[in-house]
N, C-alpha and C. Protein backbone atom coordinates (compact mmCIF):
# COMPACT_ATOMS: atom_id res chain seq x y z
N UNK A 1 23.04 107.06 -39.13
CA UNK A 1 23.48 105.89 -39.87
C UNK A 1 24.98 105.73 -39.64
N UNK A 2 25.43 104.55 -39.24
CA UNK A 2 26.86 104.35 -39.00
C UNK A 2 27.64 104.32 -40.31
N UNK A 3 28.91 104.69 -40.24
CA UNK A 3 29.79 104.59 -41.41
C UNK A 3 30.04 103.12 -41.70
N UNK A 4 30.29 102.81 -42.97
CA UNK A 4 30.50 101.40 -43.34
C UNK A 4 31.69 100.81 -42.60
N UNK A 5 32.67 101.65 -42.25
CA UNK A 5 33.84 101.14 -41.53
C UNK A 5 33.51 100.78 -40.08
N UNK A 6 32.35 101.23 -39.60
CA UNK A 6 31.94 100.96 -38.22
C UNK A 6 31.04 99.73 -38.10
N UNK A 7 30.64 99.15 -39.22
CA UNK A 7 29.72 98.01 -39.21
C UNK A 7 30.53 96.72 -39.09
N UNK A 8 30.17 95.88 -38.13
CA UNK A 8 30.83 94.59 -37.98
C UNK A 8 30.33 93.63 -39.06
N UNK A 9 31.24 93.17 -39.90
CA UNK A 9 30.88 92.27 -40.99
C UNK A 9 31.24 90.84 -40.62
N UNK A 10 30.55 89.86 -41.21
CA UNK A 10 30.90 88.46 -40.94
C UNK A 10 32.28 88.16 -41.54
N UNK A 11 32.95 87.11 -41.07
CA UNK A 11 34.26 86.78 -41.63
C UNK A 11 34.16 86.38 -43.10
N UNK A 12 35.21 86.69 -43.86
CA UNK A 12 35.24 86.34 -45.27
C UNK A 12 35.58 84.86 -45.43
N UNK A 13 35.05 84.22 -46.47
CA UNK A 13 35.38 82.81 -46.71
C UNK A 13 36.86 82.64 -47.02
N UNK A 14 37.41 81.47 -46.76
CA UNK A 14 38.82 81.22 -47.08
C UNK A 14 39.08 81.42 -48.58
N UNK A 15 40.24 81.96 -48.90
CA UNK A 15 40.63 82.14 -50.30
C UNK A 15 40.21 83.47 -50.91
N UNK A 16 39.46 84.29 -50.17
CA UNK A 16 39.08 85.60 -50.73
C UNK A 16 40.24 86.57 -50.56
N UNK A 17 40.16 87.66 -51.26
CA UNK A 17 41.25 88.64 -51.28
C UNK A 17 41.23 89.59 -50.09
N UNK A 18 40.22 89.51 -49.26
CA UNK A 18 40.12 90.42 -48.12
C UNK A 18 39.21 91.58 -48.43
N UNK A 19 38.93 92.37 -47.43
CA UNK A 19 38.02 93.49 -47.65
C UNK A 19 38.77 94.66 -48.28
N UNK A 20 38.08 95.48 -49.08
CA UNK A 20 38.72 96.61 -49.74
C UNK A 20 39.27 97.61 -48.73
N UNK A 21 40.31 98.29 -49.10
CA UNK A 21 40.90 99.32 -48.24
C UNK A 21 40.04 100.57 -48.29
N UNK A 22 39.91 101.24 -47.18
CA UNK A 22 39.18 102.51 -47.13
C UNK A 22 37.69 102.32 -47.22
N UNK A 23 37.01 103.42 -47.43
CA UNK A 23 35.55 103.43 -47.52
C UNK A 23 35.15 103.74 -48.95
N UNK A 24 34.73 102.71 -49.69
CA UNK A 24 34.36 102.93 -51.09
C UNK A 24 32.86 103.16 -51.25
N UNK A 25 32.11 103.19 -50.17
CA UNK A 25 30.67 103.43 -50.24
C UNK A 25 30.41 104.89 -50.57
N UNK A 26 29.52 105.14 -51.51
CA UNK A 26 29.15 106.49 -51.87
C UNK A 26 27.62 106.56 -51.86
N UNK A 27 27.07 107.48 -51.08
CA UNK A 27 25.62 107.62 -51.04
C UNK A 27 25.11 108.03 -52.41
N UNK A 28 24.01 107.40 -52.81
CA UNK A 28 23.38 107.73 -54.07
C UNK A 28 21.87 107.82 -53.86
N UNK A 29 21.24 108.60 -54.66
CA UNK A 29 19.79 108.74 -54.60
C UNK A 29 19.25 108.55 -56.00
N UNK A 30 18.12 107.91 -56.14
CA UNK A 30 17.57 107.67 -57.47
C UNK A 30 16.06 107.63 -57.46
N UNK A 31 15.52 107.58 -58.65
CA UNK A 31 14.08 107.51 -58.85
C UNK A 31 13.83 106.44 -59.91
N UNK A 32 12.86 105.59 -59.69
CA UNK A 32 12.46 104.61 -60.70
C UNK A 32 11.16 105.09 -61.31
N UNK A 33 11.15 105.17 -62.64
CA UNK A 33 9.95 105.61 -63.36
C UNK A 33 9.46 104.43 -64.17
N UNK A 34 8.23 104.02 -63.97
CA UNK A 34 7.64 102.90 -64.72
C UNK A 34 7.01 103.44 -66.00
N UNK A 35 7.35 102.81 -67.12
CA UNK A 35 6.81 103.21 -68.42
C UNK A 35 6.12 102.00 -69.05
N UNK A 36 5.22 102.23 -70.00
CA UNK A 36 4.41 101.12 -70.52
C UNK A 36 5.15 100.14 -71.43
N UNK A 37 6.23 100.60 -72.09
CA UNK A 37 6.90 99.70 -73.03
C UNK A 37 8.32 100.18 -73.33
N UNK A 38 9.04 99.39 -74.13
CA UNK A 38 10.44 99.70 -74.44
C UNK A 38 10.62 101.01 -75.21
N UNK A 39 9.76 101.31 -76.21
CA UNK A 39 9.93 102.60 -76.89
C UNK A 39 9.78 103.80 -75.94
N UNK A 40 8.85 103.71 -74.99
CA UNK A 40 8.69 104.79 -74.02
C UNK A 40 9.90 104.87 -73.10
N UNK A 41 10.46 103.71 -72.75
CA UNK A 41 11.67 103.68 -71.92
C UNK A 41 12.81 104.37 -72.65
N UNK A 42 12.99 104.04 -73.91
CA UNK A 42 14.07 104.63 -74.70
C UNK A 42 13.88 106.14 -74.83
N UNK A 43 12.66 106.57 -75.10
CA UNK A 43 12.39 108.01 -75.26
C UNK A 43 12.69 108.76 -73.97
N UNK A 44 12.24 108.22 -72.83
CA UNK A 44 12.48 108.88 -71.55
C UNK A 44 13.96 108.89 -71.22
N UNK A 45 14.65 107.78 -71.48
CA UNK A 45 16.08 107.70 -71.23
C UNK A 45 16.82 108.79 -72.04
N UNK A 46 16.51 108.89 -73.32
CA UNK A 46 17.16 109.89 -74.18
C UNK A 46 16.86 111.31 -73.72
N UNK A 47 15.63 111.55 -73.29
CA UNK A 47 15.25 112.88 -72.81
C UNK A 47 16.04 113.25 -71.54
N UNK A 48 16.14 112.31 -70.61
CA UNK A 48 16.87 112.58 -69.37
C UNK A 48 18.37 112.75 -69.63
N UNK A 49 18.93 111.93 -70.52
CA UNK A 49 20.35 112.07 -70.88
C UNK A 49 20.61 113.44 -71.51
N UNK A 50 19.70 113.90 -72.36
CA UNK A 50 19.84 115.20 -73.00
C UNK A 50 19.82 116.34 -71.98
N UNK A 51 19.16 116.10 -70.84
CA UNK A 51 19.13 117.09 -69.76
C UNK A 51 20.39 117.02 -68.90
N UNK A 52 21.29 116.08 -69.21
CA UNK A 52 22.52 115.94 -68.45
C UNK A 52 22.39 115.03 -67.23
N UNK A 53 21.31 114.25 -67.16
CA UNK A 53 21.10 113.33 -66.03
C UNK A 53 21.93 112.07 -66.21
N UNK A 54 22.39 111.49 -65.11
CA UNK A 54 23.08 110.20 -65.14
C UNK A 54 22.00 109.13 -65.04
N UNK A 55 21.89 108.30 -66.08
CA UNK A 55 20.80 107.32 -66.15
C UNK A 55 21.31 105.91 -66.32
N UNK A 56 20.52 104.96 -65.87
CA UNK A 56 20.76 103.54 -66.08
C UNK A 56 19.45 102.92 -66.53
N UNK A 57 19.55 101.99 -67.47
CA UNK A 57 18.36 101.29 -67.97
C UNK A 57 18.18 100.02 -67.14
N UNK A 58 16.94 99.76 -66.72
CA UNK A 58 16.61 98.58 -65.93
C UNK A 58 15.44 97.86 -66.58
N UNK A 59 15.57 96.54 -66.73
CA UNK A 59 14.47 95.71 -67.23
C UNK A 59 14.19 94.64 -66.20
N UNK A 60 12.91 94.45 -65.86
CA UNK A 60 12.56 93.40 -64.91
C UNK A 60 11.48 92.51 -65.50
């Protein structure tokens, strides 16, 4: 996989601030767990947080 600094990007529209300096991309890995309802989502979220996991809540 090429580094983000090696990827040719399209030109930025006029008036933008330009591209960020350096490489701000950070590889991340995640798992999506489907639960039946909001109470189950909250319970699982709290359980994973208690284990020291970094969590984000997603609703679709």
